[in-house]
Amino acid sequence: MPPRQIGPIAQAWYKWKALRLPWRKRFFIGYDLQGNTYWEFQLTKPSATTSPSDSRWRRIVHYPRSTHYSQVKVSPLWHQWLRHMRRDPPTLEEQTGDVVRQQRMKYLAAEADARWEAKPRVMEDGNAPREGIAPPEEAGAKTQDGEKDPWAKARSRGPSEDWQPTAWNPGVGKKR
């Protein structure tokens, strides 16, 4: 997804909101390529019994109002930051590099799928020998389409398709 262009007024507003002034409760951290903004705040102020390092900062994401809930996408880099798995928020260079990496992976996956589809299939190729099952020529049975049935010999070895198990009748046991 191409990055949304942020105008100079919005950039100045974000810089102002990012300043950690004492009266402010929420601080702007950054934005992603989809236009989501990320904020950090503390729920409560540290008390005399707790040190400031004990109170954990809450991290949230705000998305544009025009975005429906189902269309909100948070990149893995920002998700790591939101869950406190990384200390520093991702930069725009990291985010664009991640988008390039995802596109490259999609391309490589499509190439791998094409190579996989080009390989011959054992089940589709009637001439390929299979272990334990005779080729269709030896089986002799024919299907409805007039082709030889590759499973005819395997069916003739085992129980028929109509076979059903009998009921279990235990014998009389010894008394102890």
N, C-alpha and C. Protein backbone atom coordinates (compact mmCIF):
# COMPACT_ATOMS: atom_id res chain seq x y z
N MET A 1 0.85 -1.17 0.00
CA MET A 1 0.00 0.00 0.00
C MET A 1 0.90 1.23 0.00
N PRO A 2 0.67 2.19 -0.88
CA PRO A 2 1.51 3.37 -0.91
C PRO A 2 1.29 4.22 0.33
N PRO A 3 2.36 4.86 0.82
CA PRO A 3 2.20 5.69 2.02
C PRO A 3 1.32 6.91 1.74
N ARG A 4 0.52 7.24 2.72
CA ARG A 4 -0.32 8.44 2.59
C ARG A 4 0.55 9.66 2.84
N GLN A 5 0.36 10.67 2.04
CA GLN A 5 1.12 11.90 2.20
C GLN A 5 0.52 12.72 3.33
N ILE A 6 1.37 13.13 4.25
CA ILE A 6 0.93 13.94 5.38
C ILE A 6 1.42 15.36 5.13
N GLY A 7 0.49 16.29 5.19
CA GLY A 7 0.81 17.68 4.90
C GLY A 7 1.64 18.34 5.98
N PRO A 8 2.18 19.53 5.69
CA PRO A 8 3.03 20.23 6.66
C PRO A 8 2.28 20.65 7.92
N ILE A 9 1.01 20.96 7.82
CA ILE A 9 0.24 21.36 9.00
C ILE A 9 0.06 20.15 9.91
N ALA A 10 -0.28 18.99 9.34
CA ALA A 10 -0.44 17.77 10.14
C ALA A 10 0.89 17.36 10.76
N GLN A 11 1.98 17.52 10.03
CA GLN A 11 3.30 17.19 10.58
C GLN A 11 3.63 18.08 11.78
N ALA A 12 3.33 19.37 11.66
CA ALA A 12 3.58 20.28 12.78
C ALA A 12 2.71 19.91 13.98
N TRP A 13 1.44 19.56 13.71
CA TRP A 13 0.54 19.17 14.80
C TRP A 13 1.05 17.91 15.49
N TYR A 14 1.52 16.92 14.72
CA TYR A 14 2.06 15.69 15.30
C TYR A 14 3.32 15.97 16.12
N LYS A 15 4.17 16.88 15.65
CA LYS A 15 5.37 17.22 16.42
C LYS A 15 4.98 17.88 17.75
N TRP A 16 3.95 18.71 17.72
CA TRP A 16 3.48 19.36 18.94
C TRP A 16 2.92 18.33 19.92
N LYS A 17 2.16 17.37 19.41
CA LYS A 17 1.56 16.34 20.25
C LYS A 17 2.60 15.33 20.76
N ALA A 18 3.74 15.24 20.12
CA ALA A 18 4.78 14.31 20.54
C ALA A 18 5.63 14.86 21.69
N LEU A 19 5.55 16.19 21.92
CA LEU A 19 6.32 16.77 23.02
C LEU A 19 5.80 16.25 24.35
N ARG A 20 6.69 15.82 25.22
CA ARG A 20 6.30 15.26 26.52
C ARG A 20 6.24 16.39 27.55
N LEU A 21 5.19 17.16 27.45
CA LEU A 21 4.97 18.27 28.38
C LEU A 21 4.30 17.73 29.63
N PRO A 22 4.57 18.35 30.81
CA PRO A 22 4.08 17.78 32.08
C PRO A 22 2.56 17.73 32.20
N TRP A 23 1.83 18.63 31.58
CA TRP A 23 0.38 18.64 31.72
C TRP A 23 -0.32 17.69 30.75
N ARG A 24 0.42 17.13 29.81
CA ARG A 24 -0.17 16.26 28.81
C ARG A 24 -0.32 14.83 29.32
N LYS A 25 -1.44 14.20 28.98
CA LYS A 25 -1.66 12.82 29.41
C LYS A 25 -1.36 11.81 28.30
N ARG A 26 -1.58 12.20 27.06
CA ARG A 26 -1.31 11.33 25.91
C ARG A 26 -0.20 11.93 25.07
N PHE A 27 0.65 11.04 24.53
CA PHE A 27 1.76 11.50 23.70
C PHE A 27 1.71 10.78 22.36
N PHE A 28 1.87 11.55 21.30
CA PHE A 28 1.91 10.98 19.95
C PHE A 28 3.26 10.29 19.75
N ILE A 29 3.23 9.07 19.22
CA ILE A 29 4.45 8.31 19.01
C ILE A 29 4.82 8.24 17.53
N GLY A 30 3.85 7.95 16.68
CA GLY A 30 4.16 7.85 15.25
C GLY A 30 2.94 7.45 14.45
N TYR A 31 3.15 7.22 13.15
CA TYR A 31 2.08 6.81 12.26
C TYR A 31 2.62 5.77 11.29
N ASP A 32 1.69 5.02 10.71
CA ASP A 32 2.10 3.99 9.76
C ASP A 32 1.70 4.39 8.34
N LEU A 33 1.93 3.50 7.39
CA LEU A 33 1.69 3.79 5.99
C LEU A 33 0.21 3.80 5.63
N GLN A 34 -0.65 3.24 6.49
CA GLN A 34 -2.09 3.22 6.23
C GLN A 34 -2.81 4.43 6.83
N GLY A 35 -2.11 5.29 7.55
CA GLY A 35 -2.72 6.47 8.14
C GLY A 35 -3.12 6.30 9.59
N ASN A 36 -2.81 5.16 10.21
CA ASN A 36 -3.09 4.97 11.63
C ASN A 36 -2.08 5.74 12.46
N THR A 37 -2.52 6.28 13.59
CA THR A 37 -1.61 6.98 14.50
C THR A 37 -1.49 6.18 15.79
N TYR A 38 -0.34 6.26 16.42
CA TYR A 38 -0.06 5.48 17.62
C TYR A 38 0.27 6.42 18.76
N TRP A 39 -0.34 6.13 19.92
CA TRP A 39 -0.25 7.01 21.08
C TRP A 39 0.16 6.20 22.30
N GLU A 40 0.70 6.93 23.29
CA GLU A 40 1.14 6.30 24.53
C GLU A 40 0.64 7.16 25.69
N PHE A 41 0.18 6.52 26.77
CA PHE A 41 -0.29 7.26 27.95
C PHE A 41 -0.20 6.36 29.17
N GLN A 42 -0.28 6.98 30.35
CA GLN A 42 -0.33 6.24 31.60
C GLN A 42 -1.73 6.32 32.17
N LEU A 43 -2.24 5.19 32.66
CA LEU A 43 -3.58 5.20 33.24
C LEU A 43 -3.62 5.98 34.54
N THR A 44 -2.67 5.75 35.40
CA THR A 44 -2.62 6.45 36.68
C THR A 44 -1.24 7.03 36.88
N LYS A 45 -1.19 8.06 37.67
CA LYS A 45 0.11 8.62 38.00
C LYS A 45 0.76 7.75 39.07
N PRO A 46 2.07 7.62 39.03
CA PRO A 46 2.72 6.80 40.05
C PRO A 46 2.52 7.39 41.44
N SER A 47 2.20 6.54 42.40
CA SER A 47 1.97 7.01 43.77
C SER A 47 3.29 6.97 44.55
N ALA A 48 3.22 7.32 45.84
CA ALA A 48 4.41 7.35 46.67
C ALA A 48 4.96 5.95 46.91
N THR A 49 4.07 4.94 46.88
CA THR A 49 4.52 3.57 47.14
C THR A 49 5.13 2.90 45.91
N THR A 50 4.76 3.35 44.73
CA THR A 50 5.30 2.75 43.51
C THR A 50 6.28 3.70 42.86
N SER A 51 7.29 3.14 42.26
CA SER A 51 8.26 3.97 41.54
C SER A 51 7.71 4.26 40.14
N PRO A 52 8.19 5.33 39.50
CA PRO A 52 7.69 5.66 38.15
C PRO A 52 7.97 4.56 37.14
N SER A 53 9.00 3.75 37.37
CA SER A 53 9.31 2.70 36.40
C SER A 53 8.34 1.52 36.54
N ASP A 54 7.63 1.39 37.70
CA ASP A 54 6.71 0.29 37.89
C ASP A 54 5.41 0.47 37.09
N SER A 55 5.00 1.71 36.90
CA SER A 55 3.76 1.94 36.16
C SER A 55 4.06 1.81 34.66
N ARG A 56 3.30 0.94 34.02
CA ARG A 56 3.55 0.64 32.62
C ARG A 56 2.75 1.59 31.73
N TRP A 57 3.36 2.02 30.65
CA TRP A 57 2.70 2.90 29.71
C TRP A 57 1.76 2.10 28.84
N ARG A 58 0.57 2.64 28.62
CA ARG A 58 -0.41 2.01 27.72
C ARG A 58 -0.15 2.51 26.32
N ARG A 59 -0.32 1.64 25.36
CA ARG A 59 -0.11 1.99 23.96
C ARG A 59 -1.37 1.66 23.18
N ILE A 60 -1.80 2.62 22.34
CA ILE A 60 -3.04 2.43 21.58
C ILE A 60 -2.82 2.89 20.15
N VAL A 61 -3.75 2.48 19.29
CA VAL A 61 -3.75 2.90 17.89
C VAL A 61 -5.06 3.61 17.60
N HIS A 62 -4.97 4.70 16.85
CA HIS A 62 -6.15 5.42 16.36
C HIS A 62 -6.11 5.33 14.85
N TYR A 63 -7.21 4.96 14.25
CA TYR A 63 -7.29 4.83 12.81
C TYR A 63 -8.20 5.93 12.27
N PRO A 64 -8.11 6.23 10.98
CA PRO A 64 -8.98 7.27 10.42
C PRO A 64 -10.45 6.93 10.59
N ARG A 65 -11.27 7.95 10.81
CA ARG A 65 -12.70 7.73 11.07
C ARG A 65 -13.40 7.10 9.87
N SER A 66 -12.90 7.33 8.69
CA SER A 66 -13.55 6.78 7.49
C SER A 66 -13.27 5.28 7.32
N THR A 67 -12.38 4.73 8.13
CA THR A 67 -12.03 3.32 8.02
C THR A 67 -13.01 2.46 8.81
N HIS A 68 -13.53 1.43 8.18
CA HIS A 68 -14.41 0.49 8.86
C HIS A 68 -13.57 -0.42 9.76
N TYR A 69 -14.18 -0.95 10.83
CA TYR A 69 -13.45 -1.79 11.79
C TYR A 69 -12.76 -2.97 11.10
N SER A 70 -13.44 -3.58 10.14
CA SER A 70 -12.88 -4.76 9.50
C SER A 70 -11.72 -4.43 8.57
N GLN A 71 -11.54 -3.16 8.23
CA GLN A 71 -10.47 -2.77 7.32
C GLN A 71 -9.25 -2.22 8.05
N VAL A 72 -9.28 -2.17 9.37
CA VAL A 72 -8.14 -1.68 10.13
C VAL A 72 -7.04 -2.73 10.08
N LYS A 73 -5.87 -2.34 9.60
CA LYS A 73 -4.74 -3.25 9.51
C LYS A 73 -3.57 -2.62 10.25
N VAL A 74 -3.02 -3.38 11.19
CA VAL A 74 -1.86 -2.95 11.95
C VAL A 74 -0.70 -3.82 11.50
N SER A 75 0.39 -3.19 11.08
CA SER A 75 1.54 -3.95 10.58
C SER A 75 2.20 -4.71 11.73
N PRO A 76 2.92 -5.79 11.42
CA PRO A 76 3.59 -6.55 12.48
C PRO A 76 4.57 -5.70 13.30
N LEU A 77 5.23 -4.76 12.66
CA LEU A 77 6.18 -3.91 13.38
C LEU A 77 5.47 -3.08 14.45
N TRP A 78 4.35 -2.47 14.09
CA TRP A 78 3.60 -1.68 15.06
C TRP A 78 2.93 -2.58 16.08
N HIS A 79 2.53 -3.76 15.68
CA HIS A 79 1.91 -4.69 16.63
C HIS A 79 2.91 -5.08 17.71
N GLN A 80 4.16 -5.27 17.33
CA GLN A 80 5.20 -5.56 18.32
C GLN A 80 5.34 -4.41 19.30
N TRP A 81 5.31 -3.19 18.79
CA TRP A 81 5.43 -2.03 19.67
C TRP A 81 4.22 -1.93 20.59
N LEU A 82 3.01 -2.17 20.07
CA LEU A 82 1.81 -2.07 20.88
C LEU A 82 1.82 -3.08 22.03
N ARG A 83 2.39 -4.25 21.81
CA ARG A 83 2.41 -5.32 22.81
C ARG A 83 3.67 -5.30 23.67
N HIS A 84 4.42 -4.21 23.59
CA HIS A 84 5.65 -4.02 24.38
C HIS A 84 6.71 -5.08 24.06
N MET A 85 6.73 -5.56 22.83
CA MET A 85 7.75 -6.52 22.43
C MET A 85 8.97 -5.81 21.84
N ARG A 86 8.81 -4.56 21.52
CA ARG A 86 9.94 -3.74 21.10
C ARG A 86 9.83 -2.40 21.79
N ARG A 87 10.97 -1.87 22.16
CA ARG A 87 10.99 -0.63 22.94
C ARG A 87 10.70 0.59 22.07
N ASP A 88 11.37 0.68 20.94
CA ASP A 88 11.24 1.86 20.08
C ASP A 88 10.22 1.61 18.97
N PRO A 89 9.46 2.63 18.61
CA PRO A 89 8.50 2.45 17.51
C PRO A 89 9.24 2.32 16.18
N PRO A 90 8.64 1.63 15.20
CA PRO A 90 9.31 1.47 13.91
C PRO A 90 9.36 2.78 13.14
N THR A 91 10.42 2.95 12.39
CA THR A 91 10.57 4.14 11.56
C THR A 91 9.86 3.92 10.23
N LEU A 92 9.70 5.00 9.47
CA LEU A 92 9.08 4.88 8.15
C LEU A 92 9.93 4.03 7.22
N GLU A 93 11.26 4.09 7.37
CA GLU A 93 12.14 3.27 6.53
C GLU A 93 11.93 1.78 6.82
N GLU A 94 11.79 1.44 8.10
CA GLU A 94 11.51 0.05 8.47
C GLU A 94 10.17 -0.41 7.89
N GLN A 95 9.18 0.45 7.94
CA GLN A 95 7.85 0.09 7.45
C GLN A 95 7.86 -0.12 5.94
N THR A 96 8.52 0.75 5.20
CA THR A 96 8.59 0.58 3.74
C THR A 96 9.42 -0.65 3.39
N GLY A 97 10.49 -0.92 4.16
CA GLY A 97 11.28 -2.13 3.94
C GLY A 97 10.45 -3.38 4.19
N ASP A 98 9.56 -3.34 5.18
CA ASP A 98 8.70 -4.49 5.46
C ASP A 98 7.70 -4.70 4.33
N VAL A 99 7.19 -3.63 3.76
CA VAL A 99 6.26 -3.76 2.63
C VAL A 99 6.98 -4.38 1.43
N VAL A 100 8.22 -3.94 1.17
CA VAL A 100 9.01 -4.51 0.08
C VAL A 100 9.27 -6.00 0.34
N ARG A 101 9.59 -6.34 1.59
CA ARG A 101 9.82 -7.74 1.94
C ARG A 101 8.57 -8.59 1.71
N GLN A 102 7.40 -8.07 2.07
CA GLN A 102 6.15 -8.81 1.87
C GLN A 102 5.87 -9.02 0.39
N GLN A 103 6.12 -8.00 -0.43
CA GLN A 103 5.91 -8.14 -1.87
C GLN A 103 6.87 -9.17 -2.46
N ARG A 104 8.12 -9.16 -2.00
CA ARG A 104 9.11 -10.12 -2.47
C ARG A 104 8.70 -11.54 -2.08
N MET A 105 8.19 -11.72 -0.85
CA MET A 105 7.75 -13.04 -0.41
C MET A 105 6.55 -13.53 -1.24
N LYS A 106 5.62 -12.64 -1.59
CA LYS A 106 4.49 -13.04 -2.43
C LYS A 106 4.97 -13.48 -3.80
N TYR A 107 5.94 -12.76 -4.36
CA TYR A 107 6.50 -13.11 -5.66
C TYR A 107 7.19 -14.47 -5.60
N LEU A 108 8.01 -14.70 -4.57
CA LEU A 108 8.72 -15.97 -4.43
C LEU A 108 7.74 -17.12 -4.19
N ALA A 109 6.67 -16.88 -3.44
CA ALA A 109 5.67 -17.91 -3.22
C ALA A 109 4.94 -18.25 -4.52
N ALA A 110 4.64 -17.25 -5.34
CA ALA A 110 4.00 -17.50 -6.63
C ALA A 110 4.93 -18.30 -7.54
N GLU A 111 6.22 -18.00 -7.52
CA GLU A 111 7.19 -18.77 -8.31
C GLU A 111 7.26 -20.21 -7.82
N ALA A 112 7.27 -20.42 -6.51
CA ALA A 112 7.32 -21.77 -5.96
C ALA A 112 6.05 -22.55 -6.33
N ASP A 113 4.89 -21.89 -6.29
CA ASP A 113 3.65 -22.54 -6.69
C ASP A 113 3.69 -22.95 -8.16
N ALA A 114 4.24 -22.07 -9.01
CA ALA A 114 4.35 -22.38 -10.44
C ALA A 114 5.28 -23.57 -10.66
N ARG A 115 6.41 -23.62 -9.94
CA ARG A 115 7.33 -24.76 -10.07
C ARG A 115 6.65 -26.03 -9.58
N TRP A 116 5.89 -25.95 -8.51
CA TRP A 116 5.20 -27.12 -7.96
C TRP A 116 4.16 -27.64 -8.95
N GLU A 117 3.42 -26.72 -9.58
CA GLU A 117 2.40 -27.12 -10.55
C GLU A 117 3.03 -27.73 -11.80
N ALA A 118 4.25 -27.35 -12.15
CA ALA A 118 4.91 -27.87 -13.34
C ALA A 118 5.40 -29.30 -13.15
N LYS A 119 5.56 -29.75 -11.92
CA LYS A 119 6.04 -31.11 -11.66
C LYS A 119 4.94 -32.12 -12.00
N PRO A 120 5.34 -33.31 -12.50
CA PRO A 120 4.32 -34.32 -12.82
C PRO A 120 3.72 -34.90 -11.54
N ARG A 121 2.46 -35.30 -11.64
CA ARG A 121 1.74 -35.87 -10.51
C ARG A 121 1.73 -37.39 -10.63
N VAL A 122 1.90 -38.07 -9.53
CA VAL A 122 1.87 -39.52 -9.52
C VAL A 122 0.45 -40.02 -9.76
N MET A 123 -0.52 -39.38 -9.13
CA MET A 123 -1.90 -39.84 -9.25
C MET A 123 -2.47 -39.56 -10.65
N GLU A 124 -2.03 -38.53 -11.31
CA GLU A 124 -2.56 -38.19 -12.63
C GLU A 124 -1.87 -38.98 -13.73
N ASP A 125 -0.64 -39.40 -13.50
CA ASP A 125 0.12 -40.11 -14.51
C ASP A 125 -0.16 -41.60 -14.35
N GLY A 126 -0.81 -42.23 -15.34
CA GLY A 126 -1.15 -43.64 -15.27
C GLY A 126 0.05 -44.55 -15.48
N ASN A 127 1.16 -44.05 -16.02
CA ASN A 127 2.32 -44.88 -16.30
C ASN A 127 3.30 -44.95 -15.15
N ALA A 128 3.09 -44.19 -14.13
CA ALA A 128 4.04 -44.17 -13.02
C ALA A 128 3.84 -45.41 -12.15
N PRO A 129 4.91 -46.17 -11.87
CA PRO A 129 4.75 -47.35 -11.02
C PRO A 129 4.52 -46.95 -9.57
N ARG A 130 3.65 -47.69 -8.89
CA ARG A 130 3.36 -47.45 -7.49
C ARG A 130 3.73 -48.69 -6.70
N GLU A 131 4.17 -48.50 -5.51
CA GLU A 131 4.54 -49.64 -4.68
C GLU A 131 3.31 -50.31 -4.12
N GLY A 132 3.25 -51.64 -4.20
CA GLY A 132 2.16 -52.39 -3.57
C GLY A 132 0.90 -52.48 -4.40
N ILE A 133 0.76 -51.68 -5.46
CA ILE A 133 -0.44 -51.71 -6.29
C ILE A 133 -0.01 -51.97 -7.72
N ALA A 134 -0.65 -52.92 -8.34
CA ALA A 134 -0.31 -53.26 -9.71
C ALA A 134 -0.75 -52.15 -10.65
N PRO A 135 -0.03 -51.97 -11.75
CA PRO A 135 -0.47 -50.99 -12.74
C PRO A 135 -1.84 -51.38 -13.29
N PRO A 136 -2.56 -50.44 -13.90
CA PRO A 136 -3.91 -50.72 -14.39
C PRO A 136 -3.97 -51.85 -15.41
N GLU A 137 -2.88 -52.07 -16.17
CA GLU A 137 -2.91 -53.12 -17.18
C GLU A 137 -3.07 -54.48 -16.54
N GLU A 138 -2.47 -54.70 -15.37
CA GLU A 138 -2.53 -55.99 -14.71
C GLU A 138 -3.85 -56.18 -13.98
N ALA A 139 -4.49 -55.12 -13.59
CA ALA A 139 -5.72 -55.25 -12.82
C ALA A 139 -6.83 -55.82 -13.68
N GLY A 140 -6.98 -55.36 -14.89
CA GLY A 140 -7.94 -55.93 -15.80
C GLY A 140 -9.34 -55.36 -15.69
N ALA A 141 -9.72 -54.76 -14.59
CA ALA A 141 -11.08 -54.23 -14.44
C ALA A 141 -11.18 -52.88 -15.13
N LYS A 142 -12.38 -52.54 -15.54
CA LYS A 142 -12.59 -51.26 -16.21
C LYS A 142 -13.59 -50.43 -15.42
N THR A 143 -13.41 -49.09 -15.49
CA THR A 143 -14.32 -48.17 -14.82
C THR A 143 -15.50 -47.87 -15.73
N GLN A 144 -16.38 -46.99 -15.28
CA GLN A 144 -17.55 -46.62 -16.07
C GLN A 144 -17.17 -45.90 -17.35
N ASP A 145 -16.04 -45.19 -17.34
CA ASP A 145 -15.61 -44.45 -18.51
C ASP A 145 -14.92 -45.34 -19.54
N GLY A 146 -14.74 -46.62 -19.24
CA GLY A 146 -14.06 -47.51 -20.15
C GLY A 146 -12.57 -47.61 -19.88
N GLU A 147 -12.06 -46.85 -18.91
CA GLU A 147 -10.64 -46.91 -18.57
C GLU A 147 -10.43 -48.03 -17.56
N LYS A 148 -9.20 -48.49 -17.46
CA LYS A 148 -8.88 -49.53 -16.49
C LYS A 148 -8.86 -48.95 -15.09
N ASP A 149 -9.34 -49.72 -14.13
CA ASP A 149 -9.44 -49.27 -12.74
C ASP A 149 -8.15 -49.62 -12.00
N PRO A 150 -7.38 -48.64 -11.54
CA PRO A 150 -6.12 -48.93 -10.84
C PRO A 150 -6.32 -49.55 -9.47
N TRP A 151 -7.52 -49.49 -8.90
CA TRP A 151 -7.75 -49.99 -7.55
C TRP A 151 -8.37 -51.39 -7.55
N ALA A 152 -8.61 -51.97 -8.70
CA ALA A 152 -9.30 -53.26 -8.77
C ALA A 152 -8.51 -54.36 -8.07
N LYS A 153 -7.20 -54.43 -8.31
CA LYS A 153 -6.39 -55.48 -7.70
C LYS A 153 -6.29 -55.27 -6.19
N ALA A 154 -6.19 -54.03 -5.74
CA ALA A 154 -6.13 -53.76 -4.31
C ALA A 154 -7.42 -54.17 -3.63
N ARG A 155 -8.57 -53.99 -4.30
CA ARG A 155 -9.84 -54.39 -3.73
C ARG A 155 -9.96 -55.91 -3.66
N SER A 156 -9.36 -56.59 -4.62
CA SER A 156 -9.49 -58.05 -4.64
C SER A 156 -8.66 -58.69 -3.53
N ARG A 157 -7.63 -58.04 -3.05
CA ARG A 157 -6.79 -58.59 -1.98
C ARG A 157 -7.44 -58.48 -0.61
N GLY A 158 -8.09 -57.38 -0.32
CA GLY A 158 -8.62 -57.13 1.01
C GLY A 158 -10.09 -57.48 1.11
N PRO A 159 -10.71 -57.11 2.23
CA PRO A 159 -12.14 -57.39 2.36
C PRO A 159 -12.93 -56.57 1.36
N SER A 160 -14.08 -57.09 0.99
CA SER A 160 -14.88 -56.39 0.00
C SER A 160 -15.47 -55.12 0.59
N GLU A 161 -16.06 -54.32 -0.27
CA GLU A 161 -16.65 -53.06 0.19
C GLU A 161 -17.92 -53.29 1.00
N ASP A 162 -18.50 -54.49 0.87
CA ASP A 162 -19.74 -54.78 1.59
C ASP A 162 -19.49 -55.38 2.96
N TRP A 163 -18.25 -55.60 3.34
CA TRP A 163 -17.93 -56.26 4.59
C TRP A 163 -18.34 -55.40 5.78
N GLN A 164 -18.93 -56.03 6.80
CA GLN A 164 -19.32 -55.36 8.02
C GLN A 164 -18.80 -56.18 9.19
N PRO A 165 -18.36 -55.54 10.27
CA PRO A 165 -17.89 -56.31 11.42
C PRO A 165 -19.05 -56.98 12.14
N THR A 166 -18.76 -58.12 12.78
CA THR A 166 -19.79 -58.82 13.54
C THR A 166 -19.81 -58.30 14.97
N ALA A 167 -20.87 -58.58 15.67
CA ALA A 167 -21.01 -58.13 17.05
C ALA A 167 -20.03 -58.88 17.94
N TRP A 168 -19.62 -58.28 19.02
CA TRP A 168 -18.67 -58.90 19.93
C TRP A 168 -19.43 -59.67 20.99
N ASN A 169 -19.13 -60.97 21.09
CA ASN A 169 -19.78 -61.82 22.08
C ASN A 169 -18.70 -62.36 23.00
N PRO A 170 -18.50 -61.75 24.18
CA PRO A 170 -17.44 -62.24 25.07
C PRO A 170 -17.82 -63.60 25.69
N GLY A 171 -16.80 -64.42 25.90
CA GLY A 171 -17.03 -65.71 26.52
C GLY A 171 -17.14 -65.57 28.03
N VAL A 172 -17.49 -66.65 28.68
CA VAL A 172 -17.63 -66.66 30.12
C VAL A 172 -16.22 -66.68 30.73
N GLY A 173 -15.97 -65.81 31.68
CA GLY A 173 -14.65 -65.74 32.31
C GLY A 173 -14.58 -66.62 33.55
N LYS A 174 -13.36 -66.83 34.02
CA LYS A 174 -13.14 -67.62 35.24
C LYS A 174 -13.44 -66.76 36.47
N LYS A 175 -13.92 -67.41 37.50
CA LYS A 175 -14.13 -66.71 38.77
C LYS A 175 -12.81 -66.69 39.52
N ARG A 176 -12.61 -65.66 40.22
CA ARG A 176 -11.34 -65.53 40.98
C ARG A 176 -11.57 -65.67 42.42
